[in-house]
């Protein structure tokens, strides 16, 4: 499980956009984006997908990851 801080989400549509893209990855078990908390929690199988792939999927939606 990883918690990723994301900048730029403003509504539930933003949450759905991120959740949809990350859920496309093989090995992702659960995605919970929360625009009010400005983060996304991802449960995933580390043997099938890595953090870089998850971050790339999030960035492809146009939002920024805060590290």
C-alpha atoms as a PDB file:
ATOM      1  CA  UNK A   1       0.000   0.000   0.000  1.00  0.00           C
ATOM      2  CA  UNK A   2       1.300   3.439  -0.963  1.00  0.00           C
ATOM      3  CA  UNK A   3      -0.081   6.908  -0.261  1.00  0.00           C
ATOM      4  CA  UNK A   4       0.704   9.437  -2.996  1.00  0.00           C
ATOM      5  CA  UNK A   5       0.135  13.168  -2.546  1.00  0.00           C
ATOM      6  CA  UNK A   6      -1.396  14.713  -5.657  1.00  0.00           C
ATOM      7  CA  UNK A   7      -1.794  18.364  -6.595  1.00  0.00           C
ATOM      8  CA  UNK A   8      -4.574  19.658  -8.819  1.00  0.00           C
ATOM      9  CA  UNK A   9      -7.599  17.500  -7.975  1.00  0.00           C
ATOM     10  CA  UNK A  10     -10.682  19.674  -7.420  1.00  0.00           C
ATOM     11  CA  UNK A  11     -13.693  17.341  -7.571  1.00  0.00           C
ATOM     12  CA  UNK A  12     -14.963  13.771  -7.575  1.00  0.00           C
ATOM     13  CA  UNK A  13     -14.485  13.692 -11.347  1.00  0.00           C
ATOM     14  CA  UNK A  14     -10.770  14.208 -10.770  1.00  0.00           C
ATOM     15  CA  UNK A  15     -10.785  11.281  -8.352  1.00  0.00           C
ATOM     16  CA  UNK A  16     -12.545   9.071 -10.893  1.00  0.00           C
ATOM     17  CA  UNK A  17     -10.070  10.041 -13.629  1.00  0.00           C
ATOM     18  CA  UNK A  18      -7.076   9.012 -11.524  1.00  0.00           C
ATOM     19  CA  UNK A  19      -8.758   5.850 -10.237  1.00  0.00           C
ATOM     20  CA  UNK A  20      -9.673   4.795 -13.776  1.00  0.00           C
ATOM     21  CA  UNK A  21      -6.140   5.208 -15.132  1.00  0.00           C
ATOM     22  CA  UNK A  22      -4.393   3.498 -12.219  1.00  0.00           C
ATOM     23  CA  UNK A  23      -6.905   0.617 -12.211  1.00  0.00           C
ATOM     24  CA  UNK A  24      -5.888  -0.182 -15.807  1.00  0.00           C
ATOM     25  CA  UNK A  25      -2.535  -1.445 -14.516  1.00  0.00           C
ATOM     26  CA  UNK A  26      -2.177  -5.187 -13.999  1.00  0.00           C
ATOM     27  CA  UNK A  27      -1.429  -5.819 -10.340  1.00  0.00           C
ATOM     28  CA  UNK A  28      -3.364  -2.868  -8.919  1.00  0.00           C
ATOM     29  CA  UNK A  29      -5.795  -4.195  -6.325  1.00  0.00           C
ATOM     30  CA  UNK A  30      -7.511  -1.016  -5.106  1.00  0.00           C
ATOM     31  CA  UNK A  31      -7.294   2.725  -5.759  1.00  0.00           C
ATOM     32  CA  UNK A  32      -8.864   5.383  -3.551  1.00  0.00           C
ATOM     33  CA  UNK A  33      -8.321   8.978  -4.685  1.00  0.00           C
ATOM     34  CA  UNK A  34      -9.453  11.772  -2.351  1.00  0.00           C
ATOM     35  CA  UNK A  35      -9.416  15.314  -3.739  1.00  0.00           C
ATOM     36  CA  UNK A  36     -10.163  16.907  -0.357  1.00  0.00           C
ATOM     37  CA  UNK A  37      -7.147  15.188   1.243  1.00  0.00           C
ATOM     38  CA  UNK A  38      -5.087  15.694  -1.951  1.00  0.00           C
ATOM     39  CA  UNK A  39      -3.912  12.097  -2.046  1.00  0.00           C
ATOM     40  CA  UNK A  40      -4.428   8.695  -3.564  1.00  0.00           C
ATOM     41  CA  UNK A  41      -3.981   5.407  -1.737  1.00  0.00           C
ATOM     42  CA  UNK A  42      -3.056   2.449  -3.926  1.00  0.00           C
ATOM     43  CA  UNK A  43      -3.005  -1.205  -2.912  1.00  0.00           C
ATOM     44  CA  UNK A  44      -0.981  -3.235  -5.368  1.00  0.00           C
ATOM     45  CA  UNK A  45       0.912  -6.473  -5.935  1.00  0.00           C
ATOM     46  CA  UNK A  46       4.595  -5.519  -6.019  1.00  0.00           C
ATOM     47  CA  UNK A  47       5.389  -8.624  -8.082  1.00  0.00           C
ATOM     48  CA  UNK A  48       3.194  -7.359 -10.939  1.00  0.00           C
ATOM     49  CA  UNK A  49       3.481  -3.554 -10.911  1.00  0.00           C
ATOM     50  CA  UNK A  50       5.929  -1.071  -9.427  1.00  0.00           C
ATOM     51  CA  UNK A  51       5.606   2.434  -8.051  1.00  0.00           C
ATOM     52  CA  UNK A  52       7.042   4.020 -11.207  1.00  0.00           C
ATOM     53  CA  UNK A  53       4.230   2.533 -13.319  1.00  0.00           C
ATOM     54  CA  UNK A  54       1.633   3.808 -10.858  1.00  0.00           C
ATOM     55  CA  UNK A  55       3.155   7.289 -10.803  1.00  0.00           C
ATOM     56  CA  UNK A  56       3.326   7.339 -14.611  1.00  0.00           C
ATOM     57  CA  UNK A  57      -0.388   6.483 -14.810  1.00  0.00           C
ATOM     58  CA  UNK A  58      -1.214   9.311 -12.396  1.00  0.00           C
ATOM     59  CA  UNK A  59       0.946  11.806 -14.286  1.00  0.00           C
ATOM     60  CA  UNK A  60      -0.755  10.803 -17.560  1.00  0.00           C
ATOM     61  CA  UNK A  61      -3.991  12.272 -16.159  1.00  0.00           C
ATOM     62  CA  UNK A  62      -2.397  15.723 -15.956  1.00  0.00           C
ATOM     63  CA  UNK A  63      -2.135  15.955 -12.179  1.00  0.00           C
ATOM     64  CA  UNK A  64       1.123  16.568 -10.329  1.00  0.00           C
ATOM     65  CA  UNK A  65       2.669  14.247  -7.754  1.00  0.00           C
ATOM     66  CA  UNK A  66       4.063  16.057  -4.719  1.00  0.00           C
ATOM     67  CA  UNK A  67       7.113  14.432  -3.151  1.00  0.00           C
END
